[in-house]
Full PDB file with SEQRES, HELIX, SHEET, SSBOND, CRYST1, ORIGX, SCALE, CONECT and MASTER records, all heavy atoms in Angstrom:
SEQRES   1 A   35  ALA ALA SER VAL LEU GLN MET ARG ALA PRO ALA GLN LEU          
SEQRES   2 A   35  GLN TRP LEU ALA TRP CYS ILE GLY PRO MET LEU LEU GLN          
SEQRES   3 A   35  ALA TYR ALA ALA VAL LEU VAL VAL ARG                          
HELIX    1 AA1 ALA A    2  GLN A    6  1                                   5    
HELIX    2 AA2 ALA A   11  VAL A   34  1                                  24    
CRYST1    1.000    1.000    1.000  90.00  90.00  90.00 P 1           1          
ORIGX1      1.000000  0.000000  0.000000        0.00000                         
ORIGX2      0.000000  1.000000  0.000000        0.00000                         
ORIGX3      0.000000  0.000000  1.000000        0.00000                         
SCALE1      1.000000  0.000000  0.000000        0.00000                         
SCALE2      0.000000  1.000000  0.000000        0.00000                         
SCALE3      0.000000  0.000000  1.000000        0.00000                         
ATOM      1  N   ALA A   1       5.655   2.335  -2.083  1.00  0.00           N  
ATOM      2  CA  ALA A   1       5.913   2.421  -0.644  1.00  0.00           C  
ATOM      3  C   ALA A   1       7.359   2.824  -0.370  1.00  0.00           C  
ATOM      4  O   ALA A   1       7.632   3.634   0.524  1.00  0.00           O  
ATOM      5  CB  ALA A   1       5.595   1.092   0.019  1.00  0.00           C  
ATOM      6  N   ALA A   2       8.301   2.290  -1.150  1.00  0.00           N  
ATOM      7  CA  ALA A   2       9.712   2.631  -0.956  1.00  0.00           C  
ATOM      8  C   ALA A   2       9.983   4.084  -1.332  1.00  0.00           C  
ATOM      9  O   ALA A   2      10.806   4.751  -0.697  1.00  0.00           O  
ATOM     10  CB  ALA A   2      10.588   1.696  -1.774  1.00  0.00           C  
ATOM     11  N   SER A   3       9.287   4.590  -2.337  1.00  0.00           N  
ATOM     12  CA  SER A   3       9.509   5.981  -2.737  1.00  0.00           C  
ATOM     13  C   SER A   3       9.029   6.945  -1.657  1.00  0.00           C  
ATOM     14  O   SER A   3       9.649   7.980  -1.411  1.00  0.00           O  
ATOM     15  CB  SER A   3       8.820   6.272  -4.067  1.00  0.00           C  
ATOM     16  OG  SER A   3       7.425   6.198  -3.922  1.00  0.00           O  
ATOM     17  N   VAL A   4       7.941   6.631  -0.984  1.00  0.00           N  
ATOM     18  CA  VAL A   4       7.467   7.468   0.115  1.00  0.00           C  
ATOM     19  C   VAL A   4       8.496   7.467   1.244  1.00  0.00           C  
ATOM     20  O   VAL A   4       8.762   8.498   1.860  1.00  0.00           O  
ATOM     21  CB  VAL A   4       6.083   6.990   0.609  1.00  0.00           C  
ATOM     22  CG1 VAL A   4       5.694   7.657   1.906  1.00  0.00           C  
ATOM     23  CG2 VAL A   4       5.037   7.236  -0.449  1.00  0.00           C  
ATOM     24  N   LEU A   5       9.104   6.309   1.486  1.00  0.00           N  
ATOM     25  CA  LEU A   5      10.137   6.221   2.510  1.00  0.00           C  
ATOM     26  C   LEU A   5      11.364   7.041   2.121  1.00  0.00           C  
ATOM     27  O   LEU A   5      11.939   7.750   2.947  1.00  0.00           O  
ATOM     28  CB  LEU A   5      10.524   4.755   2.728  1.00  0.00           C  
ATOM     29  CG  LEU A   5      11.505   4.468   3.843  1.00  0.00           C  
ATOM     30  CD1 LEU A   5      10.893   4.839   5.182  1.00  0.00           C  
ATOM     31  CD2 LEU A   5      11.894   3.006   3.829  1.00  0.00           C  
ATOM     32  N   GLN A   6      11.750   6.997   0.858  1.00  0.00           N  
ATOM     33  CA  GLN A   6      12.919   7.736   0.386  1.00  0.00           C  
ATOM     34  C   GLN A   6      12.691   9.238   0.377  1.00  0.00           C  
ATOM     35  O   GLN A   6      13.624  10.010   0.550  1.00  0.00           O  
ATOM     36  CB  GLN A   6      13.325   7.289  -1.026  1.00  0.00           C  
ATOM     37  CG  GLN A   6      14.116   6.027  -1.058  1.00  0.00           C  
ATOM     38  CD  GLN A   6      15.484   6.203  -0.433  1.00  0.00           C  
ATOM     39  OE1 GLN A   6      15.737   7.029   0.417  1.00  0.00           O  
ATOM     40  NE2 GLN A   6      16.404   5.375  -0.867  1.00  0.00           N  
ATOM     41  N   MET A   7      11.467   9.664   0.158  1.00  0.00           N  
ATOM     42  CA  MET A   7      11.166  11.097   0.105  1.00  0.00           C  
ATOM     43  C   MET A   7      11.148  11.722   1.495  1.00  0.00           C  
ATOM     44  O   MET A   7      10.966  12.918   1.624  1.00  0.00           O  
ATOM     45  CB  MET A   7       9.811  11.344  -0.566  1.00  0.00           C  
ATOM     46  CG  MET A   7       9.801  11.037  -2.041  1.00  0.00           C  
ATOM     47  SD  MET A   7       8.261  11.498  -2.857  1.00  0.00           S  
ATOM     48  CE  MET A   7       7.013  10.784  -1.844  1.00  0.00           C  
ATOM     49  N   ARG A   8      11.297  10.905   2.511  1.00  0.00           N  
ATOM     50  CA  ARG A   8      11.236  11.381   3.895  1.00  0.00           C  
ATOM     51  C   ARG A   8       9.903  12.097   4.174  1.00  0.00           C  
ATOM     52  O   ARG A   8       9.870  13.197   4.718  1.00  0.00           O  
ATOM     53  CB  ARG A   8      12.404  12.285   4.219  1.00  0.00           C  
ATOM     54  CG  ARG A   8      13.748  11.721   3.865  1.00  0.00           C  
ATOM     55  CD  ARG A   8      14.575  11.553   5.115  1.00  0.00           C  
ATOM     56  NE  ARG A   8      15.971  11.231   4.807  1.00  0.00           N  
ATOM     57  CZ  ARG A   8      16.429  10.010   4.648  1.00  0.00           C  
ATOM     58  NH1 ARG A   8      15.613   9.000   4.703  1.00  0.00           N  
ATOM     59  NH2 ARG A   8      17.705   9.777   4.418  1.00  0.00           N  
ATOM     60  N   ALA A   9       8.857  11.443   3.729  1.00  0.00           N  
ATOM     61  CA  ALA A   9       7.514  11.996   3.914  1.00  0.00           C  
ATOM     62  C   ALA A   9       7.162  11.996   5.404  1.00  0.00           C  
ATOM     63  O   ALA A   9       7.780  11.280   6.200  1.00  0.00           O  
ATOM     64  CB  ALA A   9       6.509  11.163   3.132  1.00  0.00           C  
ATOM     65  N   PRO A  10       6.169  12.776   5.785  1.00  0.00           N  
ATOM     66  CA  PRO A  10       5.717  12.752   7.188  1.00  0.00           C  
ATOM     67  C   PRO A  10       5.275  11.335   7.585  1.00  0.00           C  
ATOM     68  O   PRO A  10       4.879  10.528   6.747  1.00  0.00           O  
ATOM     69  CB  PRO A  10       4.531  13.713   7.207  1.00  0.00           C  
ATOM     70  CG  PRO A  10       4.681  14.554   5.996  1.00  0.00           C  
ATOM     71  CD  PRO A  10       5.438  13.754   4.997  1.00  0.00           C  
ATOM     72  N   ALA A  11       5.339  11.064   8.870  1.00  0.00           N  
ATOM     73  CA  ALA A  11       5.042   9.718   9.384  1.00  0.00           C  
ATOM     74  C   ALA A  11       3.639   9.253   8.989  1.00  0.00           C  
ATOM     75  O   ALA A  11       3.439   8.080   8.683  1.00  0.00           O  
ATOM     76  CB  ALA A  11       5.203   9.683  10.896  1.00  0.00           C  
ATOM     77  N   GLN A  12       2.663  10.178   8.980  1.00  0.00           N  
ATOM     78  CA  GLN A  12       1.296   9.787   8.629  1.00  0.00           C  
ATOM     79  C   GLN A  12       1.208   9.333   7.178  1.00  0.00           C  
ATOM     80  O   GLN A  12       0.497   8.374   6.856  1.00  0.00           O  
ATOM     81  CB  GLN A  12       0.322  10.957   8.854  1.00  0.00           C  
ATOM     82  CG  GLN A  12       0.184  11.375  10.286  1.00  0.00           C  
ATOM     83  CD  GLN A  12       1.248  12.387  10.695  1.00  0.00           C  
ATOM     84  OE1 GLN A  12       2.086  12.794   9.901  1.00  0.00           O  
ATOM     85  NE2 GLN A  12       1.228  12.779  11.955  1.00  0.00           N  
ATOM     86  N   LEU A  13       1.933  10.012   6.293  1.00  0.00           N  
ATOM     87  CA  LEU A  13       1.919   9.630   4.882  1.00  0.00           C  
ATOM     88  C   LEU A  13       2.653   8.307   4.672  1.00  0.00           C  
ATOM     89  O   LEU A  13       2.221   7.473   3.871  1.00  0.00           O  
ATOM     90  CB  LEU A  13       2.544  10.735   4.026  1.00  0.00           C  
ATOM     91  CG  LEU A  13       2.471  10.539   2.512  1.00  0.00           C  
ATOM     92  CD1 LEU A  13       1.027  10.396   2.059  1.00  0.00           C  
ATOM     93  CD2 LEU A  13       3.130  11.698   1.795  1.00  0.00           C  
ATOM     94  N   GLN A  14       3.737   8.094   5.395  1.00  0.00           N  
ATOM     95  CA  GLN A  14       4.450   6.817   5.304  1.00  0.00           C  
ATOM     96  C   GLN A  14       3.544   5.682   5.780  1.00  0.00           C  
ATOM     97  O   GLN A  14       3.452   4.639   5.138  1.00  0.00           O  
ATOM     98  CB  GLN A  14       5.719   6.844   6.149  1.00  0.00           C  
ATOM     99  CG  GLN A  14       6.829   7.637   5.544  1.00  0.00           C  
ATOM    100  CD  GLN A  14       8.092   7.550   6.374  1.00  0.00           C  
ATOM    101  OE1 GLN A  14       8.220   6.682   7.237  1.00  0.00           O  
ATOM    102  NE2 GLN A  14       9.024   8.443   6.120  1.00  0.00           N  
ATOM    103  N   TRP A  15       2.867   5.893   6.891  1.00  0.00           N  
ATOM    104  CA  TRP A  15       1.963   4.876   7.421  1.00  0.00           C  
ATOM    105  C   TRP A  15       0.877   4.557   6.411  1.00  0.00           C  
ATOM    106  O   TRP A  15       0.559   3.400   6.178  1.00  0.00           O  
ATOM    107  CB  TRP A  15       1.355   5.370   8.731  1.00  0.00           C  
ATOM    108  CG  TRP A  15       0.370   4.427   9.317  1.00  0.00           C  
ATOM    109  CD1 TRP A  15       0.634   3.353  10.103  1.00  0.00           C  
ATOM    110  CD2 TRP A  15      -1.042   4.452   9.139  1.00  0.00           C  
ATOM    111  NE1 TRP A  15      -0.536   2.716  10.436  1.00  0.00           N  
ATOM    112  CE2 TRP A  15      -1.578   3.369   9.849  1.00  0.00           C  
ATOM    113  CE3 TRP A  15      -1.907   5.295   8.446  1.00  0.00           C  
ATOM    114  CZ2 TRP A  15      -2.935   3.101   9.903  1.00  0.00           C  
ATOM    115  CZ3 TRP A  15      -3.264   5.018   8.490  1.00  0.00           C  
ATOM    116  CH2 TRP A  15      -3.769   3.938   9.221  1.00  0.00           C  
ATOM    117  N   LEU A  16       0.317   5.595   5.792  1.00  0.00           N  
ATOM    118  CA  LEU A  16      -0.730   5.402   4.799  1.00  0.00           C  
ATOM    119  C   LEU A  16      -0.211   4.613   3.601  1.00  0.00           C  
ATOM    120  O   LEU A  16      -0.868   3.682   3.118  1.00  0.00           O  
ATOM    121  CB  LEU A  16      -1.278   6.759   4.355  1.00  0.00           C  
ATOM    122  CG  LEU A  16      -2.465   6.743   3.403  1.00  0.00           C  
ATOM    123  CD1 LEU A  16      -3.668   6.110   4.081  1.00  0.00           C  
ATOM    124  CD2 LEU A  16      -2.794   8.160   2.961  1.00  0.00           C  
ATOM    125  N   ALA A  17       0.983   4.952   3.118  1.00  0.00           N  
ATOM    126  CA  ALA A  17       1.559   4.243   1.968  1.00  0.00           C  
ATOM    127  C   ALA A  17       1.842   2.786   2.303  1.00  0.00           C  
ATOM    128  O   ALA A  17       1.613   1.899   1.479  1.00  0.00           O  
ATOM    129  CB  ALA A  17       2.836   4.943   1.516  1.00  0.00           C  
ATOM    130  N   TRP A  18       2.334   2.520   3.503  1.00  0.00           N  
ATOM    131  CA  TRP A  18       2.642   1.138   3.888  1.00  0.00           C  
ATOM    132  C   TRP A  18       1.374   0.324   4.098  1.00  0.00           C  
ATOM    133  O   TRP A  18       1.400  -0.900   4.001  1.00  0.00           O  
ATOM    134  CB  TRP A  18       3.486   1.103   5.155  1.00  0.00           C  
ATOM    135  CG  TRP A  18       4.867   1.633   4.993  1.00  0.00           C  
ATOM    136  CD1 TRP A  18       5.340   2.816   5.475  1.00  0.00           C  
ATOM    137  CD2 TRP A  18       5.968   1.038   4.290  1.00  0.00           C  
ATOM    138  NE1 TRP A  18       6.654   2.980   5.115  1.00  0.00           N  
ATOM    139  CE2 TRP A  18       7.070   1.906   4.399  1.00  0.00           C  
ATOM    140  CE3 TRP A  18       6.124  -0.143   3.580  1.00  0.00           C  
ATOM    141  CZ2 TRP A  18       8.300   1.635   3.830  1.00  0.00           C  
ATOM    142  CZ3 TRP A  18       7.364  -0.408   3.020  1.00  0.00           C  
ATOM    143  CH2 TRP A  18       8.430   0.466   3.144  1.00  0.00           C  
ATOM    144  N   CYS A  19       0.253   0.978   4.394  1.00  0.00           N  
ATOM    145  CA  CYS A  19      -1.007   0.253   4.600  1.00  0.00           C  
ATOM    146  C   CYS A  19      -1.790   0.056   3.307  1.00  0.00           C  
ATOM    147  O   CYS A  19      -2.438  -0.968   3.128  1.00  0.00           O  
ATOM    148  CB  CYS A  19      -1.885   0.993   5.609  1.00  0.00           C  
ATOM    149  SG  CYS A  19      -1.232   0.957   7.264  1.00  0.00           S  
ATOM    150  N   ILE A  20      -1.748   1.026   2.421  1.00  0.00           N  
ATOM    151  CA  ILE A  20      -2.540   0.946   1.193  1.00  0.00           C  
ATOM    152  C   ILE A  20      -2.005  -0.133   0.264  1.00  0.00           C  
ATOM    153  O   ILE A  20      -2.780  -0.851  -0.371  1.00  0.00           O  
ATOM    154  CB  ILE A  20      -2.601   2.320   0.496  1.00  0.00           C  
ATOM    155  CG1 ILE A  20      -3.510   3.238   1.302  1.00  0.00           C  
ATOM    156  CG2 ILE A  20      -3.090   2.205  -0.929  1.00  0.00           C  
ATOM    157  CD1 ILE A  20      -3.626   4.635   0.762  1.00  0.00           C  
ATOM    158  N   GLY A  21      -0.682  -0.298   0.190  1.00  0.00           N  
ATOM    159  CA  GLY A  21      -0.092  -1.318  -0.687  1.00  0.00           C  
ATOM    160  C   GLY A  21      -0.631  -2.711  -0.418  1.00  0.00           C  
ATOM    161  O   GLY A  21      -1.150  -3.376  -1.322  1.00  0.00           O  
ATOM    162  N   PRO A  22      -0.536  -3.205   0.834  1.00  0.00           N  
ATOM    163  CA  PRO A  22      -1.089  -4.539   1.118  1.00  0.00           C  
ATOM    164  C   PRO A  22      -2.585  -4.642   0.874  1.00  0.00           C  
ATOM    165  O   PRO A  22      -3.069  -5.671   0.397  1.00  0.00           O  
ATOM    166  CB  PRO A  22      -0.762  -4.755   2.603  1.00  0.00           C  
ATOM    167  CG  PRO A  22       0.385  -3.874   2.874  1.00  0.00           C  
ATOM    168  CD  PRO A  22       0.218  -2.684   1.973  1.00  0.00           C  
ATOM    169  N   MET A  23      -3.334  -3.578   1.164  1.00  0.00           N  
ATOM    170  CA  MET A  23      -4.785  -3.622   0.935  1.00  0.00           C  
ATOM    171  C   MET A  23      -5.094  -3.758  -0.555  1.00  0.00           C  
ATOM    172  O   MET A  23      -5.976  -4.529  -0.946  1.00  0.00           O  
ATOM    173  CB  MET A  23      -5.457  -2.386   1.512  1.00  0.00           C  
ATOM    174  CG  MET A  23      -5.509  -2.392   3.023  1.00  0.00           C  
ATOM    175  SD  MET A  23      -6.527  -1.098   3.757  1.00  0.00           S  
ATOM    176  CE  MET A  23      -5.785   0.384   3.144  1.00  0.00           C  
ATOM    177  N   LEU A  24      -4.363  -3.015  -1.395  1.00  0.00           N  
ATOM    178  CA  LEU A  24      -4.595  -3.106  -2.839  1.00  0.00           C  
ATOM    179  C   LEU A  24      -4.196  -4.477  -3.384  1.00  0.00           C  
ATOM    180  O   LEU A  24      -4.886  -5.032  -4.247  1.00  0.00           O  
ATOM    181  CB  LEU A  24      -3.838  -1.999  -3.564  1.00  0.00           C  
ATOM    182  CG  LEU A  24      -4.367  -0.585  -3.337  1.00  0.00           C  
ATOM    183  CD1 LEU A  24      -3.485   0.440  -4.028  1.00  0.00           C  
ATOM    184  CD2 LEU A  24      -5.801  -0.463  -3.803  1.00  0.00           C  
ATOM    185  N   LEU A  25      -3.094  -5.027  -2.881  1.00  0.00           N  
ATOM    186  CA  LEU A  25      -2.691  -6.356  -3.330  1.00  0.00           C  
ATOM    187  C   LEU A  25      -3.700  -7.418  -2.893  1.00  0.00           C  
ATOM    188  O   LEU A  25      -4.006  -8.339  -3.658  1.00  0.00           O  
ATOM    189  CB  LEU A  25      -1.293  -6.704  -2.797  1.00  0.00           C  
ATOM    190  CG  LEU A  25      -0.146  -5.956  -3.460  1.00  0.00           C  
ATOM    191  CD1 LEU A  25       1.159  -6.241  -2.739  1.00  0.00           C  
ATOM    192  CD2 LEU A  25      -0.021  -6.336  -4.919  1.00  0.00           C  
ATOM    193  N   GLN A  26      -4.216  -7.293  -1.669  1.00  0.00           N  
ATOM    194  CA  GLN A  26      -5.241  -8.239  -1.211  1.00  0.00           C  
ATOM    195  C   GLN A  26      -6.502  -8.116  -2.060  1.00  0.00           C  
ATOM    196  O   GLN A  26      -7.126  -9.121  -2.414  1.00  0.00           O  
ATOM    197  CB  GLN A  26      -5.580  -7.983   0.268  1.00  0.00           C  
ATOM    198  CG  GLN A  26      -4.486  -8.331   1.227  1.00  0.00           C  
ATOM    199  CD  GLN A  26      -4.333  -9.818   1.458  1.00  0.00           C  
ATOM    200  OE1 GLN A  26      -5.074 -10.647   0.947  1.00  0.00           O  
ATOM    201  NE2 GLN A  26      -3.332 -10.162   2.240  1.00  0.00           N  
ATOM    202  N   ALA A  27      -6.888  -6.893  -2.399  1.00  0.00           N  
ATOM    203  CA  ALA A  27      -8.071  -6.686  -3.237  1.00  0.00           C  
ATOM    204  C   ALA A  27      -7.854  -7.267  -4.634  1.00  0.00           C  
ATOM    205  O   ALA A  27      -8.754  -7.902  -5.197  1.00  0.00           O  
ATOM    206  CB  ALA A  27      -8.405  -5.201  -3.318  1.00  0.00           C  
ATOM    207  N   TYR A  28      -6.660  -7.061  -5.197  1.00  0.00           N  
ATOM    208  CA  TYR A  28      -6.326  -7.609  -6.515  1.00  0.00           C  
ATOM    209  C   TYR A  28      -6.447  -9.139  -6.499  1.00  0.00           C  
ATOM    210  O   TYR A  28      -7.079  -9.740  -7.372  1.00  0.00           O  
ATOM    211  CB  TYR A  28      -4.911  -7.174  -6.901  1.00  0.00           C  
ATOM    212  CG  TYR A  28      -4.326  -7.878  -8.100  1.00  0.00           C  
ATOM    213  CD1 TYR A  28      -4.740  -7.569  -9.385  1.00  0.00           C  
ATOM    214  CD2 TYR A  28      -3.348  -8.864  -7.939  1.00  0.00           C  
ATOM    215  CE1 TYR A  28      -4.205  -8.212 -10.481  1.00  0.00           C  
ATOM    216  CE2 TYR A  28      -2.801  -9.505  -9.032  1.00  0.00           C  
ATOM    217  CZ  TYR A  28      -3.236  -9.177 -10.297  1.00  0.00           C  
ATOM    218  OH  TYR A  28      -2.696  -9.827 -11.380  1.00  0.00           O  
ATOM    219  N   ALA A  29      -5.849  -9.773  -5.482  1.00  0.00           N  
ATOM    220  CA  ALA A  29      -5.912 -11.238  -5.376  1.00  0.00           C  
ATOM    221  C   ALA A  29      -7.352 -11.703  -5.154  1.00  0.00           C  
ATOM    222  O   ALA A  29      -7.789 -12.699  -5.740  1.00  0.00           O  
ATOM    223  CB  ALA A  29      -5.008 -11.725  -4.248  1.00  0.00           C  
ATOM    224  N   ALA A  30      -8.102 -10.982  -4.339  1.00  0.00           N  
ATOM    225  CA  ALA A  30      -9.488 -11.376  -4.056  1.00  0.00           C  
ATOM    226  C   ALA A  30     -10.353 -11.319  -5.307  1.00  0.00           C  
ATOM    227  O   ALA A  30     -11.186 -12.207  -5.537  1.00  0.00           O  
ATOM    228  CB  ALA A  30     -10.073 -10.485  -2.965  1.00  0.00           C  
ATOM    229  N   VAL A  31     -10.162 -10.302  -6.117  1.00  0.00           N  
ATOM    230  CA  VAL A  31     -10.947 -10.184  -7.354  1.00  0.00           C  
ATOM    231  C   VAL A  31     -10.659 -11.371  -8.266  1.00  0.00           C  
ATOM    232  O   VAL A  31     -11.582 -11.952  -8.860  1.00  0.00           O  
ATOM    233  CB  VAL A  31     -10.645  -8.847  -8.056  1.00  0.00           C  
ATOM    234  CG1 VAL A  31     -11.151  -8.844  -9.484  1.00  0.00           C  
ATOM    235  CG2 VAL A  31     -11.255  -7.703  -7.284  1.00  0.00           C  
ATOM    236  N   LEU A  32      -9.405 -11.783  -8.369  1.00  0.00           N  
ATOM    237  CA  LEU A  32      -9.069 -12.920  -9.223  1.00  0.00           C  
ATOM    238  C   LEU A  32      -9.607 -14.227  -8.665  1.00  0.00           C  
ATOM    239  O   LEU A  32     -10.080 -15.082  -9.416  1.00  0.00           O  
ATOM    240  CB  LEU A  32      -7.548 -13.011  -9.411  1.00  0.00           C  
ATOM    241  CG  LEU A  32      -6.914 -11.887 -10.216  1.00  0.00           C  
ATOM    242  CD1 LEU A  32      -5.415 -12.112 -10.356  1.00  0.00           C  
ATOM    243  CD2 LEU A  32      -7.545 -11.756 -11.585  1.00  0.00           C  
ATOM    244  N   VAL A  33      -9.580 -14.387  -7.349  1.00  0.00           N  
ATOM    245  CA  VAL A  33     -10.071 -15.626  -6.741  1.00  0.00           C  
ATOM    246  C   VAL A  33     -11.582 -15.722  -6.863  1.00  0.00           C  
ATOM    247  O   VAL A  33     -12.131 -16.796  -7.142  1.00  0.00           O  
ATOM    248  CB  VAL A  33      -9.622 -15.703  -5.265  1.00  0.00           C  
ATOM    249  CG1 VAL A  33     -10.328 -16.827  -4.530  1.00  0.00           C  
ATOM    250  CG2 VAL A  33      -8.123 -15.901  -5.187  1.00  0.00           C  
ATOM    251  N   VAL A  34     -12.282 -14.622  -6.685  1.00  0.00           N  
ATOM    252  CA  VAL A  34     -13.746 -14.637  -6.773  1.00  0.00           C  
ATOM    253  C   VAL A  34     -14.205 -14.995  -8.177  1.00  0.00           C  
ATOM    254  O   VAL A  34     -15.276 -15.570  -8.358  1.00  0.00           O  
ATOM    255  CB  VAL A  34     -14.317 -13.267  -6.319  1.00  0.00           C  
ATOM    256  CG1 VAL A  34     -15.779 -13.130  -6.647  1.00  0.00           C  
ATOM    257  CG2 VAL A  34     -14.101 -13.094  -4.832  1.00  0.00           C  
ATOM    258  N   ARG A  35     -13.389 -14.729  -9.174  1.00  0.00           N  
ATOM    259  CA  ARG A  35     -13.762 -15.037 -10.555  1.00  0.00           C  
ATOM    260  C   ARG A  35     -13.607 -16.516 -10.902  1.00  0.00           C  
ATOM    261  O   ARG A  35     -14.045 -16.939 -11.971  1.00  0.00           O  
ATOM    262  CB  ARG A  35     -12.918 -14.199 -11.509  1.00  0.00           C  
ATOM    263  CG  ARG A  35     -13.243 -12.721 -11.402  1.00  0.00           C  
ATOM    264  CD  ARG A  35     -12.385 -11.874 -12.275  1.00  0.00           C  
ATOM    265  NE  ARG A  35     -12.364 -12.383 -13.638  1.00  0.00           N  
ATOM    266  CZ  ARG A  35     -11.477 -12.033 -14.546  1.00  0.00           C  
ATOM    267  NH1 ARG A  35     -10.530 -11.176 -14.244  1.00  0.00           N  
ATOM    268  NH2 ARG A  35     -11.518 -12.528 -15.759  1.00  0.00           N  
TER     269      ARG A  35                                                      
MASTER        0    0    0    2    0    0    0    6  268    1    0    3          
END                                                                             
């Protein structure tokens, strides 16, 4: 997420990067909890 911010990516790509990170971390935690 920080690299997308540093690259001065378009706003849509920055928004996508900032949203995908938390979703992937939530999915990672959920998979471990379900087990």
